[in-house]
Every structure is written in C-alpha cells, then in structure tokens.
Amino acid sequence: MQPVNEDMPPWELAQKAHSELYMARYNATTQQGQDKLANAEHRAFAREAVGENPLMALPIAAAIPVYQTAKAAGATDSRSSSSVTQMVEGFKGIGEGLVKNLGKLMPWEMAQEAIRNPPSWLGIDKPKQKAPEAPVKPLNTEADMIKAAQFTPAEMKAQHAEIRSPESIRELLNEIANAKDPKIKKILTDTLAKLKGNK
C-alpha cells in the first residue's frame, strides 16, 4: 500500500483515513503540499466525526466557516492557508458521514447512543458498567436458611462493638430518660445493664 503523500490525485486523497492524512501533513515540506493535504484531511475529519456520531454534523458545520475565517485573519497557527476548497471539502465530509449513518438510527436513538457511547475523539470516558454480581445460591432447606441467617464470628464481634459503643449507650440512656411506660423503662434499663456487663 502506497503511503499517503501530496503527489496523490485529490480523488485518492479523499478516500484516505484522517489519521493517514494528518501524518502526511506532518511530513509535508511545502506550503502547496500542506494546502492540498489539508483539503482531504478536513474532509476526512468531518466524515469520520459525523460518521461516528451524526449529532456532530451541526457543530462541525458551524465550525467550518468560523475556522476558515480565523485562519484568513491570522488568528490561528495553522500549517495550511485559508481556502474555500477546504470549506467545501469539510461540508462534503459531513455529508459523507451522514450518509454512512442514514437509516441506522432515528434522531432520539442517535442522542441516546451518543450518551451511551461518546465518540472517542471527544476524550469522554464511557460510563462504567457495574460488574455482574455473583448469583445467589437458592435456599432449599431449613438448614440452608439457618446457615444463611447466622453471623460469622467477625460480623458478631463488629456488631457487639457497635452496640457497646459510647454513642449507642448515650442513645439508650436518652431513651430510658424519655420512656413514660415503666415496663418499657425496665426493659431498656435491663438492656443497658447487660451492655455494661452488670447482668
């Protein structure tokens, strides 16, 4: 396969990938070569961006004349000169990208797809998917149910530490102080005594 270079005819350059054209521009040594390759590169960029995400057609269409105007005014540090041909090629690329997607998705589906899978060149990470959870073993017998409901020694130790924490004791003392029913007050007092180890 022949490497992309400025000597290729425009119709061949128009078929090349954006990455190939970008590298060819990087290696181009003349202004004429830069300008010729820029036409095809702008077209390939628009074609691939819109082909990947048709919702980019409008922003790219708006950006093309703005970018060329900025180049003409010397507001950019571009390697190629501003030209109407680059604009036309950019718009052709948008059309080619839209044709690639024609009939694939309806507009609302395209929006959902763009959210689920943002184009890679935007640099947006795709939403992380949760790892599938291990399937729960069915509880077939009474023994299975009892075993599933039992705490491990580590869980029991953690539970006891939490129950005997100063915060839990303070909360229980508040409940005892606010209890109106003598029976409930006795139950709470007995519970406090057990927690403190007095019973």
Protein backbone atom coordinates (compact mmCIF):
# COMPACT_ATOMS: atom_id res chain seq x y z
CA MET A 1 0.00 0.00 0.00
CA GLN A 2 1.40 3.37 -1.07
CA PRO A 3 1.92 5.84 1.78
CA VAL A 4 -0.24 8.95 1.61
CA ASN A 5 1.57 11.95 0.12
CA GLU A 6 0.81 15.26 -1.56
CA ASP A 7 1.51 13.83 -5.05
CA MET A 8 -1.59 11.60 -4.98
CA PRO A 9 -4.60 12.77 -7.01
CA PRO A 10 -7.35 14.51 -4.98
CA TRP A 11 -9.89 11.69 -5.56
CA GLU A 12 -7.46 9.19 -3.96
CA LEU A 13 -6.67 11.51 -1.06
CA ALA A 14 -10.42 11.94 -0.45
CA GLN A 15 -10.70 8.21 0.35
CA LYS A 16 -7.91 8.12 2.95
CA ALA A 17 -8.37 7.99 6.72
CA HIS A 18 -7.97 11.15 8.78
CA SER A 19 -5.01 9.68 10.70
CA GLU A 20 -3.14 8.92 7.45
CA LEU A 21 -3.74 12.41 6.11
CA TYR A 22 -2.75 14.00 9.40
CA MET A 23 0.57 12.17 9.35
CA ALA A 24 1.11 13.10 5.70
CA ARG A 25 0.58 16.77 6.61
CA TYR A 26 3.04 16.38 9.45
CA ASN A 27 5.65 15.20 6.93
CA ALA A 28 4.76 17.65 4.11
CA THR A 29 7.56 20.09 3.37
CA THR A 30 5.95 22.67 1.06
CA GLN A 31 3.06 25.10 1.52
CA GLN A 32 1.45 23.75 -1.66
CA GLY A 33 1.62 20.20 -0.22
CA GLN A 34 0.14 21.37 3.09
CA ASP A 35 -2.75 23.08 1.33
CA LYS A 36 -3.52 20.07 -0.89
CA LEU A 37 -3.40 17.61 2.00
CA ALA A 38 -5.43 19.96 4.23
CA ASN A 39 -8.37 19.80 1.84
CA ALA A 40 -8.54 16.00 2.12
CA GLU A 41 -7.75 16.00 5.84
CA HIS A 42 -10.62 18.41 6.66
CA ARG A 43 -12.97 16.22 4.64
CA ALA A 44 -11.79 13.02 6.37
CA PHE A 45 -12.07 14.60 9.83
CA ALA A 46 -15.67 15.69 9.21
CA ARG A 47 -16.58 12.36 7.59
CA GLU A 48 -15.20 10.29 10.48
CA ALA A 49 -16.51 12.53 13.27
CA VAL A 50 -20.05 12.68 11.83
CA GLY A 51 -19.88 9.01 10.82
CA GLU A 52 -19.13 8.12 14.42
CA ASN A 53 -21.74 10.50 15.85
CA PRO A 54 -24.27 12.14 13.47
CA LEU A 55 -25.17 14.68 16.18
CA MET A 56 -21.79 16.32 15.46
CA ALA A 57 -22.94 17.39 11.98
CA LEU A 58 -24.35 20.75 13.12
CA PRO A 59 -21.47 21.81 15.38
CA ILE A 60 -18.90 20.88 12.73
CA ALA A 61 -20.91 22.66 10.00
CA ALA A 62 -20.93 25.80 12.16
CA ALA A 63 -17.23 25.48 12.98
CA ILE A 64 -16.00 25.12 9.38
CA PRO A 65 -16.58 28.74 8.23
CA VAL A 66 -15.53 30.11 11.62
CA TYR A 67 -12.24 28.20 11.44
CA GLN A 68 -11.51 29.29 7.86
CA THR A 69 -12.29 32.92 8.77
CA ALA A 70 -9.97 32.71 11.77
CA LYS A 71 -7.25 31.28 9.52
CA ALA A 72 -7.75 34.09 6.99
CA ALA A 73 -7.48 36.67 9.78
CA GLY A 74 -4.25 35.07 11.05
CA ALA A 75 -5.85 34.16 14.38
CA THR A 76 -4.68 30.53 14.20
CA ASP A 77 -1.28 28.92 13.91
CA SER A 78 -2.36 26.68 11.03
CA ARG A 79 0.03 24.98 8.63
CA SER A 80 -2.32 25.47 5.68
CA SER A 81 -3.75 28.61 4.11
CA SER A 82 -7.41 29.52 4.42
CA SER A 83 -9.42 28.41 1.40
CA VAL A 84 -12.93 27.93 0.11
CA THR A 85 -11.88 24.47 -1.11
CA GLN A 86 -11.16 23.37 2.48
CA MET A 87 -14.63 24.58 3.49
CA VAL A 88 -16.27 22.72 0.61
CA GLU A 89 -14.32 19.55 1.42
CA GLY A 90 -15.34 19.83 5.08
CA PHE A 91 -19.01 20.07 4.11
CA LYS A 92 -18.59 17.10 1.76
CA GLY A 93 -17.18 15.14 4.70
CA ILE A 94 -20.23 16.00 6.82
CA GLY A 95 -22.48 14.73 4.01
CA GLU A 96 -20.47 11.50 3.70
CA GLY A 97 -20.65 10.94 7.46
CA LEU A 98 -24.43 11.45 7.45
CA VAL A 99 -24.88 9.10 4.50
CA LYS A 100 -22.90 6.48 6.41
CA ASN A 101 -25.47 6.69 9.21
CA LEU A 102 -28.56 7.14 7.05
CA GLY A 103 -31.30 4.78 8.12
CA LYS A 104 -29.28 3.37 11.02
CA LEU A 105 -30.89 5.30 13.86
CA MET A 106 -33.74 7.71 14.44
CA PRO A 107 -32.76 11.11 15.98
CA TRP A 108 -33.79 10.20 19.56
CA GLU A 109 -31.93 6.90 19.23
CA MET A 110 -28.85 8.77 17.99
CA ALA A 111 -28.97 11.01 21.07
CA GLN A 112 -29.23 8.00 23.38
CA GLU A 113 -26.41 6.26 21.52
CA ALA A 114 -24.19 9.36 21.79
CA ILE A 115 -24.75 9.43 25.56
CA ARG A 116 -24.07 5.70 25.94
CA ASN A 117 -21.03 5.71 23.64
CA PRO A 118 -19.48 9.16 23.27
CA PRO A 119 -17.10 9.45 20.31
CA SER A 120 -13.55 8.56 21.29
CA TRP A 121 -12.07 11.75 19.85
CA LEU A 122 -14.05 13.82 22.38
CA GLY A 123 -11.99 12.27 25.16
CA ILE A 124 -15.06 11.49 27.28
CA ASP A 125 -14.91 8.24 29.21
CA LYS A 126 -17.80 5.89 28.66
CA PRO A 127 -19.96 5.28 31.74
CA LYS A 128 -18.55 2.46 33.80
CA GLN A 129 -20.67 -0.65 33.85
CA LYS A 130 -21.22 -2.43 37.14
CA ALA A 131 -19.58 -5.81 37.41
CA PRO A 132 -22.14 -8.59 37.36
CA GLU A 133 -22.99 -9.82 40.82
CA ALA A 134 -22.40 -13.43 41.72
CA PRO A 135 -25.61 -15.43 41.55
CA VAL A 136 -27.27 -16.07 44.88
CA LYS A 137 -27.40 -19.72 45.83
CA PRO A 138 -31.02 -20.77 46.38
CA LEU A 139 -32.04 -21.67 49.92
CA ASN A 140 -33.65 -25.07 49.52
CA THR A 141 -33.80 -26.38 53.06
CA GLU A 142 -34.40 -25.07 56.56
CA ALA A 143 -30.73 -25.74 57.33
CA ASP A 144 -29.73 -23.54 54.37
CA MET A 145 -31.91 -20.73 55.76
CA ILE A 146 -30.47 -21.01 59.27
CA LYS A 147 -26.92 -21.06 57.92
CA ALA A 148 -27.59 -18.00 55.72
CA ALA A 149 -29.03 -16.06 58.67
CA GLN A 150 -26.09 -16.78 61.01
CA PHE A 151 -23.38 -14.20 61.53
CA THR A 152 -19.71 -15.03 61.15
CA PRO A 153 -17.53 -14.53 64.25
CA ALA A 154 -16.07 -11.35 62.70
CA GLU A 155 -19.57 -9.99 62.00
CA MET A 156 -20.66 -10.80 65.58
CA LYS A 157 -17.60 -9.04 67.01
CA ALA A 158 -18.25 -5.94 64.89
CA GLN A 159 -21.94 -5.97 65.87
CA HIS A 160 -21.09 -6.21 69.61
CA ALA A 161 -18.56 -3.38 69.32
CA GLU A 162 -21.16 -1.18 67.62
CA ILE A 163 -23.85 -1.98 70.19
CA ARG A 164 -21.47 -1.22 73.09
CA SER A 165 -20.13 2.00 71.57
CA PRO A 166 -20.42 5.21 73.61
CA GLU A 167 -22.87 6.61 71.03
CA SER A 168 -25.17 3.59 71.44
CA ILE A 169 -25.01 3.83 75.26
CA ARG A 170 -25.85 7.57 75.12
CA GLU A 171 -28.78 6.87 72.79
CA LEU A 172 -30.08 4.16 75.14
CA LEU A 173 -29.75 6.48 78.18
CA ASN A 174 -31.82 9.11 76.29
CA GLU A 175 -34.49 6.52 75.53
CA ILE A 176 -34.60 5.46 79.22
CA ALA A 177 -34.93 9.10 80.30
CA ASN A 178 -37.76 9.70 77.83
CA ALA A 179 -39.63 6.43 78.46
CA LYS A 180 -43.06 7.03 80.04
CA ASP A 181 -44.15 3.40 80.41
CA PRO A 182 -42.48 1.73 83.44
CA LYS A 183 -42.38 -1.66 81.67
CA ILE A 184 -40.51 -0.22 78.67
CA LYS A 185 -38.21 1.71 81.05
CA LYS A 186 -37.38 -1.58 82.86
CA ILE A 187 -36.62 -3.39 79.59
CA LEU A 188 -34.35 -0.55 78.48
CA THR A 189 -32.61 -0.43 81.89
CA ASP A 190 -32.03 -4.21 81.82
CA THR A 191 -30.62 -3.90 78.30
CA LEU A 192 -28.25 -1.14 79.45
CA ALA A 193 -27.10 -3.26 82.37
CA LYS A 194 -26.36 -6.18 80.03
CA LEU A 195 -24.40 -3.93 77.71
CA LYS A 196 -22.32 -2.59 80.59
CA GLY A 197 -21.81 -6.16 81.80
CA ASN A 198 -23.59 -5.68 85.11
CA LYS A 199 -26.00 -8.61 84.50
